[in-house]
């Protein structure tokens, strides 16, 4: 049986001016056309060729020797070519773009942007793609606690946090309490593995190891005070909401950064402000 959305090796069962028909064997009920322009000169009747099968503009199976950017059951980044009445059409390297139905989108999709998607067959046996990756990401990542990884943000949940595809294929989550900077779907970020759970899923952090993060945070806070003309109009006693809004840090991280700057003699804490002293 010829399968849509997959590579397969098929035999030439008959030849026409416009191409050759391929099937698993001569007596097969189904056959698929390989257009003449893609037929190798040395391919004869009974010969075999490896092809990818998809649907043409009339939803008829057609074979190609061209390499698609994604195949059935795979995850890959594709670019949106256009957004129409039924969804977004994405470039997957073949003549006819592949559809991402509206119901398979997460957030607003924009023309010209790339998104990480999963390829599946819909109820009408047509190849489609989806941004809903949670059930299709692997939980056997080779990483351990403390490792640094790169991840693609594919979904934001107010309840749980930011769902991340590590290396575009492994399941990860930045828990809500770790989100001290705004992330958007499509962001590619460097993360630290804070935990590998029993189910194989990874909890991730935007923060580095404490001593590395403190150094980075303290320099960021120093530069922020400079941006306030050297006088920050609040101290480490401010509310967590103010600190997170203005600095993108938790209150504890801000206090550690301020403490480091104070110890280095670079700032002075006053009643209602923090002032740079080393300029």
C-alpha atoms as a PDB file:
ATOM      1  CA  UNK A   1       0.000   0.000   0.000  1.00  0.00           C
ATOM      2  CA  UNK A   2       1.354   3.419  -0.963  1.00  0.00           C
ATOM      3  CA  UNK A   3       1.572   5.725   2.063  1.00  0.00           C
ATOM      4  CA  UNK A   4       1.136   9.501   1.908  1.00  0.00           C
ATOM      5  CA  UNK A   5       3.763  11.580   3.697  1.00  0.00           C
ATOM      6  CA  UNK A   6       6.517   8.956   3.645  1.00  0.00           C
ATOM      7  CA  UNK A   7       9.514   7.866   1.618  1.00  0.00           C
ATOM      8  CA  UNK A   8       9.101   4.468  -0.040  1.00  0.00           C
ATOM      9  CA  UNK A   9      10.697   2.370  -2.760  1.00  0.00           C
ATOM     10  CA  UNK A  10       8.307   1.645  -5.642  1.00  0.00           C
ATOM     11  CA  UNK A  11       8.463  -0.101  -9.016  1.00  0.00           C
ATOM     12  CA  UNK A  12       7.711   1.321 -12.468  1.00  0.00           C
ATOM     13  CA  UNK A  13       4.569  -0.458 -13.683  1.00  0.00           C
ATOM     14  CA  UNK A  14       3.865   1.652 -16.789  1.00  0.00           C
ATOM     15  CA  UNK A  15       5.253   4.628 -18.647  1.00  0.00           C
ATOM     16  CA  UNK A  16       3.509   7.626 -20.264  1.00  0.00           C
ATOM     17  CA  UNK A  17       4.760  10.725 -22.051  1.00  0.00           C
ATOM     18  CA  UNK A  18       4.056  12.816 -18.935  1.00  0.00           C
ATOM     19  CA  UNK A  19       5.757  10.433 -16.471  1.00  0.00           C
ATOM     20  CA  UNK A  20       5.808   6.949 -14.997  1.00  0.00           C
ATOM     21  CA  UNK A  21       3.343   5.214 -12.709  1.00  0.00           C
ATOM     22  CA  UNK A  22       4.766   3.550  -9.620  1.00  0.00           C
ATOM     23  CA  UNK A  23       3.411   0.874  -7.310  1.00  0.00           C
ATOM     24  CA  UNK A  24       4.662  -1.759  -4.851  1.00  0.00           C
ATOM     25  CA  UNK A  25       4.291  -4.411  -7.540  1.00  0.00           C
ATOM     26  CA  UNK A  26       2.753  -4.842 -10.972  1.00  0.00           C
ATOM     27  CA  UNK A  27      -0.518  -6.270  -9.681  1.00  0.00           C
ATOM     28  CA  UNK A  28      -1.144  -3.566  -7.093  1.00  0.00           C
ATOM     29  CA  UNK A  29      -4.476  -1.727  -7.207  1.00  0.00           C
ATOM     30  CA  UNK A  30      -2.982   1.683  -6.447  1.00  0.00           C
ATOM     31  CA  UNK A  31      -0.340   3.526  -8.435  1.00  0.00           C
ATOM     32  CA  UNK A  32       1.170   6.979  -8.179  1.00  0.00           C
ATOM     33  CA  UNK A  33       2.587   9.262 -10.850  1.00  0.00           C
ATOM     34  CA  UNK A  34       6.189  10.436 -10.908  1.00  0.00           C
ATOM     35  CA  UNK A  35       6.270  13.426 -13.330  1.00  0.00           C
ATOM     36  CA  UNK A  36       8.516  12.981 -16.387  1.00  0.00           C
ATOM     37  CA  UNK A  37      10.860  15.824 -15.406  1.00  0.00           C
ATOM     38  CA  UNK A  38      11.820  13.852 -12.275  1.00  0.00           C
ATOM     39  CA  UNK A  39      12.264  10.460 -13.938  1.00  0.00           C
ATOM     40  CA  UNK A  40      15.954   9.412 -14.223  1.00  0.00           C
ATOM     41  CA  UNK A  41      17.031   8.562 -17.785  1.00  0.00           C
ATOM     42  CA  UNK A  42      18.068   5.048 -16.799  1.00  0.00           C
ATOM     43  CA  UNK A  43      14.795   4.143 -15.027  1.00  0.00           C
ATOM     44  CA  UNK A  44      13.032   1.426 -17.047  1.00  0.00           C
ATOM     45  CA  UNK A  45       9.874  -0.652 -16.679  1.00  0.00           C
ATOM     46  CA  UNK A  46      10.163  -2.889 -13.624  1.00  0.00           C
ATOM     47  CA  UNK A  47      12.917  -0.697 -12.171  1.00  0.00           C
ATOM     48  CA  UNK A  48      12.745   0.627  -8.619  1.00  0.00           C
ATOM     49  CA  UNK A  49      13.059   4.170  -7.319  1.00  0.00           C
ATOM     50  CA  UNK A  50      12.836   5.756  -3.863  1.00  0.00           C
ATOM     51  CA  UNK A  51      10.228   8.531  -3.811  1.00  0.00           C
ATOM     52  CA  UNK A  52       8.270  10.674  -1.393  1.00  0.00           C
ATOM     53  CA  UNK A  53       4.500  10.635  -1.847  1.00  0.00           C
ATOM     54  CA  UNK A  54       2.229  13.601  -1.103  1.00  0.00           C
ATOM     55  CA  UNK A  55      -0.939  15.170  -2.549  1.00  0.00           C
ATOM     56  CA  UNK A  56      -1.006  17.528  -5.533  1.00  0.00           C
ATOM     57  CA  UNK A  57      -3.226  20.624  -5.878  1.00  0.00           C
ATOM     58  CA  UNK A  58      -6.177  18.341  -6.730  1.00  0.00           C
ATOM     59  CA  UNK A  59      -5.533  16.154  -3.663  1.00  0.00           C
ATOM     60  CA  UNK A  60      -4.298  13.264  -5.811  1.00  0.00           C
ATOM     61  CA  UNK A  61      -1.284  11.226  -4.641  1.00  0.00           C
ATOM     62  CA  UNK A  62       1.871  12.195  -6.510  1.00  0.00           C
ATOM     63  CA  UNK A  63       5.475  11.063  -6.170  1.00  0.00           C
ATOM     64  CA  UNK A  64       8.597  13.197  -6.060  1.00  0.00           C
ATOM     65  CA  UNK A  65      12.335  12.652  -5.717  1.00  0.00           C
ATOM     66  CA  UNK A  66      12.681  16.085  -4.119  1.00  0.00           C
ATOM     67  CA  UNK A  67      13.507  16.210  -0.410  1.00  0.00           C
ATOM     68  CA  UNK A  68      10.722  17.598   1.829  1.00  0.00           C
ATOM     69  CA  UNK A  69      11.662  19.577   4.943  1.00  0.00           C
ATOM     70  CA  UNK A  70       9.439  17.354   7.084  1.00  0.00           C
ATOM     71  CA  UNK A  71       7.891  13.880   6.839  1.00  0.00           C
ATOM     72  CA  UNK A  72       5.051  12.145   8.647  1.00  0.00           C
ATOM     73  CA  UNK A  73       5.646  11.998  12.416  1.00  0.00           C
ATOM     74  CA  UNK A  74       8.583  14.407  12.330  1.00  0.00           C
ATOM     75  CA  UNK A  75       9.088  17.830  13.936  1.00  0.00           C
ATOM     76  CA  UNK A  76      10.747  20.637  11.978  1.00  0.00           C
ATOM     77  CA  UNK A  77      10.773  24.398  11.514  1.00  0.00           C
ATOM     78  CA  UNK A  78       8.742  25.612   8.538  1.00  0.00           C
ATOM     79  CA  UNK A  79       8.086  29.115   7.194  1.00  0.00           C
ATOM     80  CA  UNK A  80       4.579  30.496   6.696  1.00  0.00           C
ATOM     81  CA  UNK A  81       4.025  31.390   3.053  1.00  0.00           C
ATOM     82  CA  UNK A  82       0.494  32.752   3.485  1.00  0.00           C
ATOM     83  CA  UNK A  83      -2.470  32.757   5.850  1.00  0.00           C
ATOM     84  CA  UNK A  84      -5.849  31.951   4.297  1.00  0.00           C
ATOM     85  CA  UNK A  85      -9.428  31.185   5.271  1.00  0.00           C
ATOM     86  CA  UNK A  86      -8.708  27.684   6.574  1.00  0.00           C
ATOM     87  CA  UNK A  87      -5.263  28.151   8.103  1.00  0.00           C
ATOM     88  CA  UNK A  88      -1.642  28.866   7.250  1.00  0.00           C
ATOM     89  CA  UNK A  89       0.171  27.428   4.256  1.00  0.00           C
ATOM     90  CA  UNK A  90       3.768  26.528   5.008  1.00  0.00           C
ATOM     91  CA  UNK A  91       6.745  25.868   2.766  1.00  0.00           C
ATOM     92  CA  UNK A  92       7.952  22.305   3.206  1.00  0.00           C
ATOM     93  CA  UNK A  93      10.220  22.206   0.166  1.00  0.00           C
ATOM     94  CA  UNK A  94       7.689  20.788  -2.301  1.00  0.00           C
ATOM     95  CA  UNK A  95       5.596  22.389  -5.062  1.00  0.00           C
ATOM     96  CA  UNK A  96       2.386  22.473  -3.020  1.00  0.00           C
ATOM     97  CA  UNK A  97       2.566  24.109   0.431  1.00  0.00           C
ATOM     98  CA  UNK A  98       1.394  22.143   3.465  1.00  0.00           C
ATOM     99  CA  UNK A  99      -1.574  23.321   5.551  1.00  0.00           C
ATOM    100  CA  UNK A 100      -1.608  24.168   9.240  1.00  0.00           C
ATOM    101  CA  UNK A 101      -5.323  24.416  10.173  1.00  0.00           C
ATOM    102  CA  UNK A 102      -6.354  27.233  12.509  1.00  0.00           C
ATOM    103  CA  UNK A 103      -7.198  24.725  15.251  1.00  0.00           C
ATOM    104  CA  UNK A 104      -3.589  23.518  15.214  1.00  0.00           C
ATOM    105  CA  UNK A 105      -2.126  26.982  15.799  1.00  0.00           C
ATOM    106  CA  UNK A 106      -0.871  28.200  19.178  1.00  0.00           C
ATOM    107  CA  UNK A 107      -1.191  31.985  19.261  1.00  0.00           C
ATOM    108  CA  UNK A 108      -1.203  34.220  16.203  1.00  0.00           C
ATOM    109  CA  UNK A 109       0.747  33.004  13.184  1.00  0.00           C
ATOM    110  CA  UNK A 110       2.393  35.540  10.882  1.00  0.00           C
ATOM    111  CA  UNK A 111       3.366  35.308   7.225  1.00  0.00           C
ATOM    112  CA  UNK A 112       7.128  35.007   6.696  1.00  0.00           C
ATOM    113  CA  UNK A 113       7.808  33.693  10.215  1.00  0.00           C
ATOM    114  CA  UNK A 114       9.144  30.215  11.030  1.00  0.00           C
ATOM    115  CA  UNK A 115       7.422  27.899  13.504  1.00  0.00           C
ATOM    116  CA  UNK A 116       8.260  24.503  14.920  1.00  0.00           C
ATOM    117  CA  UNK A 117       5.576  22.042  13.781  1.00  0.00           C
ATOM    118  CA  UNK A 118       4.662  18.354  13.817  1.00  0.00           C
ATOM    119  CA  UNK A 119       3.418  16.585  10.667  1.00  0.00           C
ATOM    120  CA  UNK A 120       0.316  14.379  10.847  1.00  0.00           C
ATOM    121  CA  UNK A 121      -2.462  13.059   8.587  1.00  0.00           C
ATOM    122  CA  UNK A 122      -5.896  14.580   9.112  1.00  0.00           C
ATOM    123  CA  UNK A 123      -9.209  12.671   9.064  1.00  0.00           C
ATOM    124  CA  UNK A 124      -9.352  13.015   5.272  1.00  0.00           C
ATOM    125  CA  UNK A 125      -5.883  11.457   4.948  1.00  0.00           C
ATOM    126  CA  UNK A 126      -4.252  14.738   3.955  1.00  0.00           C
ATOM    127  CA  UNK A 127      -0.843  15.770   5.302  1.00  0.00           C
ATOM    128  CA  UNK A 128      -1.028  18.718   7.703  1.00  0.00           C
ATOM    129  CA  UNK A 129       1.151  20.263  10.392  1.00  0.00           C
ATOM    130  CA  UNK A 130       0.476  21.394  13.943  1.00  0.00           C
ATOM    131  CA  UNK A 131       2.116  23.672  16.518  1.00  0.00           C
ATOM    132  CA  UNK A 132       0.687  21.489  19.300  1.00  0.00           C
ATOM    133  CA  UNK A 133       3.860  19.606  20.136  1.00  0.00           C
ATOM    134  CA  UNK A 134       3.368  18.419  23.722  1.00  0.00           C
ATOM    135  CA  UNK A 135       2.361  14.831  22.887  1.00  0.00           C
ATOM    136  CA  UNK A 136       5.016  14.442  20.188  1.00  0.00           C
ATOM    137  CA  UNK A 137       8.223  15.443  21.990  1.00  0.00           C
ATOM    138  CA  UNK A 138      10.583  12.819  23.337  1.00  0.00           C
ATOM    139  CA  UNK A 139      11.242  12.271  27.050  1.00  0.00           C
ATOM    140  CA  UNK A 140      14.571  10.450  26.698  1.00  0.00           C
ATOM    141  CA  UNK A 141      16.890  13.460  26.458  1.00  0.00           C
ATOM    142  CA  UNK A 142      20.593  12.732  27.092  1.00  0.00           C
ATOM    143  CA  UNK A 143      20.908  15.684  29.481  1.00  0.00           C
ATOM    144  CA  UNK A 144      21.328  15.797  33.254  1.00  0.00           C
ATOM    145  CA  UNK A 145      20.843  18.375  36.000  1.00  0.00           C
ATOM    146  CA  UNK A 146      23.123  21.371  35.513  1.00  0.00           C
ATOM    147  CA  UNK A 147      23.565  20.970  31.749  1.00  0.00           C
ATOM    148  CA  UNK A 148      23.071  23.972  29.475  1.00  0.00           C
ATOM    149  CA  UNK A 149      20.648  23.386  26.596  1.00  0.00           C
ATOM    150  CA  UNK A 150      18.977  25.346  23.801  1.00  0.00           C
ATOM    151  CA  UNK A 151      15.214  25.315  23.548  1.00  0.00           C
ATOM    152  CA  UNK A 152      12.376  26.593  21.355  1.00  0.00           C
ATOM    153  CA  UNK A 153       9.393  28.068  23.232  1.00  0.00           C
ATOM    154  CA  UNK A 154       6.302  26.442  21.696  1.00  0.00           C
ATOM    155  CA  UNK A 155       3.572  27.283  24.226  1.00  0.00           C
ATOM    156  CA  UNK A 156       3.011  29.642  27.159  1.00  0.00           C
ATOM    157  CA  UNK A 157       0.695  28.597  29.988  1.00  0.00           C
ATOM    158  CA  UNK A 158      -0.379  31.023  32.717  1.00  0.00           C
ATOM    159  CA  UNK A 159      -0.819  28.033  35.027  1.00  0.00           C
ATOM    160  CA  UNK A 160       2.341  26.022  34.321  1.00  0.00           C
ATOM    161  CA  UNK A 161       4.929  28.265  32.623  1.00  0.00           C
ATOM    162  CA  UNK A 162       6.721  28.082  29.268  1.00  0.00           C
ATOM    163  CA  UNK A 163       6.766  24.784  27.398  1.00  0.00           C
ATOM    164  CA  UNK A 164      10.030  24.271  25.534  1.00  0.00           C
ATOM    165  CA  UNK A 165      11.234  21.886  22.833  1.00  0.00           C
ATOM    166  CA  UNK A 166      14.883  21.251  23.727  1.00  0.00           C
ATOM    167  CA  UNK A 167      16.937  20.655  20.558  1.00  0.00           C
ATOM    168  CA  UNK A 168      13.536  20.818  18.803  1.00  0.00           C
ATOM    169  CA  UNK A 169      12.715  17.300  20.006  1.00  0.00           C
ATOM    170  CA  UNK A 170      12.847  16.854  23.816  1.00  0.00           C
ATOM    171  CA  UNK A 171      10.144  17.839  26.306  1.00  0.00           C
ATOM    172  CA  UNK A 172      10.970  20.670  28.711  1.00  0.00           C
ATOM    173  CA  UNK A 173       9.240  23.227  30.919  1.00  0.00           C
ATOM    174  CA  UNK A 174      10.303  26.524  32.470  1.00  0.00           C
ATOM    175  CA  UNK A 175       7.998  26.503  35.531  1.00  0.00           C
ATOM    176  CA  UNK A 176       5.895  29.601  36.166  1.00  0.00           C
ATOM    177  CA  UNK A 177       7.936  30.578  39.231  1.00  0.00           C
ATOM    178  CA  UNK A 178      11.109  30.629  37.099  1.00  0.00           C
ATOM    179  CA  UNK A 179       9.700  33.039  34.509  1.00  0.00           C
ATOM    180  CA  UNK A 180      11.295  36.344  35.484  1.00  0.00           C
ATOM    181  CA  UNK A 181      11.542  37.561  31.904  1.00  0.00           C
ATOM    182  CA  UNK A 182       8.916  37.651  29.183  1.00  0.00           C
ATOM    183  CA  UNK A 183       9.080  34.782  26.713  1.00  0.00           C
ATOM    184  CA  UNK A 184       7.129  34.490  23.472  1.00  0.00           C
ATOM    185  CA  UNK A 185       6.241  31.557  21.250  1.00  0.00           C
ATOM    186  CA  UNK A 186       9.083  31.136  18.781  1.00  0.00           C
ATOM    187  CA  UNK A 187      11.814  32.385  21.126  1.00  0.00           C
ATOM    188  CA  UNK A 188      15.007  30.314  21.102  1.00  0.00           C
ATOM    189  CA  UNK A 189      16.700  30.535  24.490  1.00  0.00           C
ATOM    190  CA  UNK A 190      19.657  29.126  26.385  1.00  0.00           C
ATOM    191  CA  UNK A 191      18.512  27.269  29.501  1.00  0.00           C
ATOM    192  CA  UNK A 192      19.885  25.299  32.428  1.00  0.00           C
ATOM    193  CA  UNK A 193      18.451  21.885  33.295  1.00  0.00           C
ATOM    194  CA  UNK A 194      17.293  22.245  36.897  1.00  0.00           C
ATOM    195  CA  UNK A 195      15.704  18.795  37.164  1.00  0.00           C
ATOM    196  CA  UNK A 196      15.162  15.651  35.111  1.00  0.00           C
ATOM    197  CA  UNK A 197      11.899  14.223  36.375  1.00  0.00           C
ATOM    198  CA  UNK A 198      11.064  10.531  36.759  1.00  0.00           C
ATOM    199  CA  UNK A 199       8.927  10.667  33.605  1.00  0.00           C
ATOM    200  CA  UNK A 200      11.941  11.942  31.628  1.00  0.00           C
ATOM    201  CA  UNK A 201      10.649  15.487  31.180  1.00  0.00           C
ATOM    202  CA  UNK A 202      13.024  18.310  32.042  1.00  0.00           C
ATOM    203  CA  UNK A 203      12.402  21.292  34.277  1.00  0.00           C
ATOM    204  CA  UNK A 204      14.419  24.210  32.971  1.00  0.00           C
ATOM    205  CA  UNK A 205      15.657  27.522  34.306  1.00  0.00           C
ATOM    206  CA  UNK A 206      16.569  30.775  32.604  1.00  0.00           C
ATOM    207  CA  UNK A 207      18.975  31.348  35.497  1.00  0.00           C
ATOM    208  CA  UNK A 208      22.550  30.074  35.436  1.00  0.00           C
ATOM    209  CA  UNK A 209      24.278  28.499  38.426  1.00  0.00           C
ATOM    210  CA  UNK A 210      24.021  30.874  41.390  1.00  0.00           C
ATOM    211  CA  UNK A 211      27.581  32.265  41.310  1.00  0.00           C
ATOM    212  CA  UNK A 212      27.437  32.805  37.546  1.00  0.00           C
ATOM    213  CA  UNK A 213      23.956  34.280  37.697  1.00  0.00           C
ATOM    214  CA  UNK A 214      24.846  36.654  40.524  1.00  0.00           C
ATOM    215  CA  UNK A 215      27.720  38.078  38.513  1.00  0.00           C
ATOM    216  CA  UNK A 216      25.509  38.540  35.467  1.00  0.00           C
ATOM    217  CA  UNK A 217      22.603  39.979  37.481  1.00  0.00           C
ATOM    218  CA  UNK A 218      24.797  42.433  39.367  1.00  0.00           C
ATOM    219  CA  UNK A 219      26.215  43.849  36.134  1.00  0.00           C
ATOM    220  CA  UNK A 220      22.712  44.116  34.682  1.00  0.00           C
ATOM    221  CA  UNK A 221      21.482  45.958  37.809  1.00  0.00           C
ATOM    222  CA  UNK A 222      24.492  48.293  37.659  1.00  0.00           C
ATOM    223  CA  UNK A 223      23.740  49.145  34.026  1.00  0.00           C
ATOM    224  CA  UNK A 224      20.059  49.686  34.902  1.00  0.00           C
ATOM    225  CA  UNK A 225      21.028  52.172  37.632  1.00  0.00           C
ATOM    226  CA  UNK A 226      23.216  53.982  35.088  1.00  0.00           C
ATOM    227  CA  UNK A 227      20.176  54.212  32.822  1.00  0.00           C
ATOM    228  CA  UNK A 228      18.364  55.969  35.710  1.00  0.00           C
ATOM    229  CA  UNK A 229      21.148  58.625  35.687  1.00  0.00           C
ATOM    230  CA  UNK A 230      22.918  56.831  38.496  1.00  0.00           C
ATOM    231  CA  UNK A 231      20.009  56.877  40.963  1.00  0.00           C
ATOM    232  CA  UNK A 232      17.564  53.962  41.123  1.00  0.00           C
ATOM    233  CA  UNK A 233      14.278  55.244  42.640  1.00  0.00           C
ATOM    234  CA  UNK A 234      13.735  52.175  44.834  1.00  0.00           C
ATOM    235  CA  UNK A 235      15.780  49.789  46.974  1.00  0.00           C
ATOM    236  CA  UNK A 236      15.871  46.062  47.639  1.00  0.00           C
ATOM    237  CA  UNK A 237      12.987  46.635  50.066  1.00  0.00           C
ATOM    238  CA  UNK A 238      10.630  47.369  47.174  1.00  0.00           C
ATOM    239  CA  UNK A 239       7.787  44.947  46.438  1.00  0.00           C
ATOM    240  CA  UNK A 240       8.553  41.842  44.353  1.00  0.00           C
ATOM    241  CA  UNK A 241       6.157  43.129  41.670  1.00  0.00           C
ATOM    242  CA  UNK A 242       8.064  46.419  41.265  1.00  0.00           C
ATOM    243  CA  UNK A 243      11.423  44.650  41.142  1.00  0.00           C
ATOM    244  CA  UNK A 244      10.253  42.111  38.583  1.00  0.00           C
ATOM    245  CA  UNK A 245       8.592  44.783  36.428  1.00  0.00           C
ATOM    246  CA  UNK A 246      11.622  47.085  36.406  1.00  0.00           C
ATOM    247  CA  UNK A 247      14.468  44.563  36.537  1.00  0.00           C
ATOM    248  CA  UNK A 248      13.057  41.258  35.324  1.00  0.00           C
ATOM    249  CA  UNK A 249      14.450  39.596  38.478  1.00  0.00           C
ATOM    250  CA  UNK A 250      12.961  37.916  41.505  1.00  0.00           C
ATOM    251  CA  UNK A 251      13.325  39.892  44.730  1.00  0.00           C
ATOM    252  CA  UNK A 252      15.896  37.408  46.055  1.00  0.00           C
ATOM    253  CA  UNK A 253      18.000  37.617  42.893  1.00  0.00           C
ATOM    254  CA  UNK A 254      17.834  41.428  43.028  1.00  0.00           C
ATOM    255  CA  UNK A 255      18.920  41.462  46.685  1.00  0.00           C
ATOM    256  CA  UNK A 256      21.887  39.198  45.872  1.00  0.00           C
ATOM    257  CA  UNK A 257      22.928  41.427  42.977  1.00  0.00           C
ATOM    258  CA  UNK A 258      22.620  44.593  45.079  1.00  0.00           C
ATOM    259  CA  UNK A 259      24.560  42.925  47.891  1.00  0.00           C
ATOM    260  CA  UNK A 260      27.410  42.104  45.535  1.00  0.00           C
ATOM    261  CA  UNK A 261      27.546  45.661  44.167  1.00  0.00           C
ATOM    262  CA  UNK A 262      27.484  47.025  47.708  1.00  0.00           C
ATOM    263  CA  UNK A 263      30.325  44.729  48.770  1.00  0.00           C
ATOM    264  CA  UNK A 264      32.376  45.842  45.761  1.00  0.00           C
ATOM    265  CA  UNK A 265      31.833  49.493  46.734  1.00  0.00           C
ATOM    266  CA  UNK A 266      30.087  50.348  43.469  1.00  0.00           C
ATOM    267  CA  UNK A 267      26.781  51.534  44.992  1.00  0.00           C
ATOM    268  CA  UNK A 268      25.324  53.085  48.104  1.00  0.00           C
ATOM    269  CA  UNK A 269      21.872  52.273  49.491  1.00  0.00           C
ATOM    270  CA  UNK A 270      19.900  55.248  50.739  1.00  0.00           C
ATOM    271  CA  UNK A 271      16.462  55.399  52.346  1.00  0.00           C
ATOM    272  CA  UNK A 272      14.494  55.328  49.092  1.00  0.00           C
ATOM    273  CA  UNK A 273      17.118  54.860  46.385  1.00  0.00           C
ATOM    274  CA  UNK A 274      20.285  53.122  45.281  1.00  0.00           C
ATOM    275  CA  UNK A 275      23.065  55.383  44.043  1.00  0.00           C
ATOM    276  CA  UNK A 276      26.194  54.609  42.032  1.00  0.00           C
ATOM    277  CA  UNK A 277      29.333  55.699  43.878  1.00  0.00           C
ATOM    278  CA  UNK A 278      32.222  54.507  41.686  1.00  0.00           C
ATOM    279  CA  UNK A 279      31.832  56.886  38.742  1.00  0.00           C
END
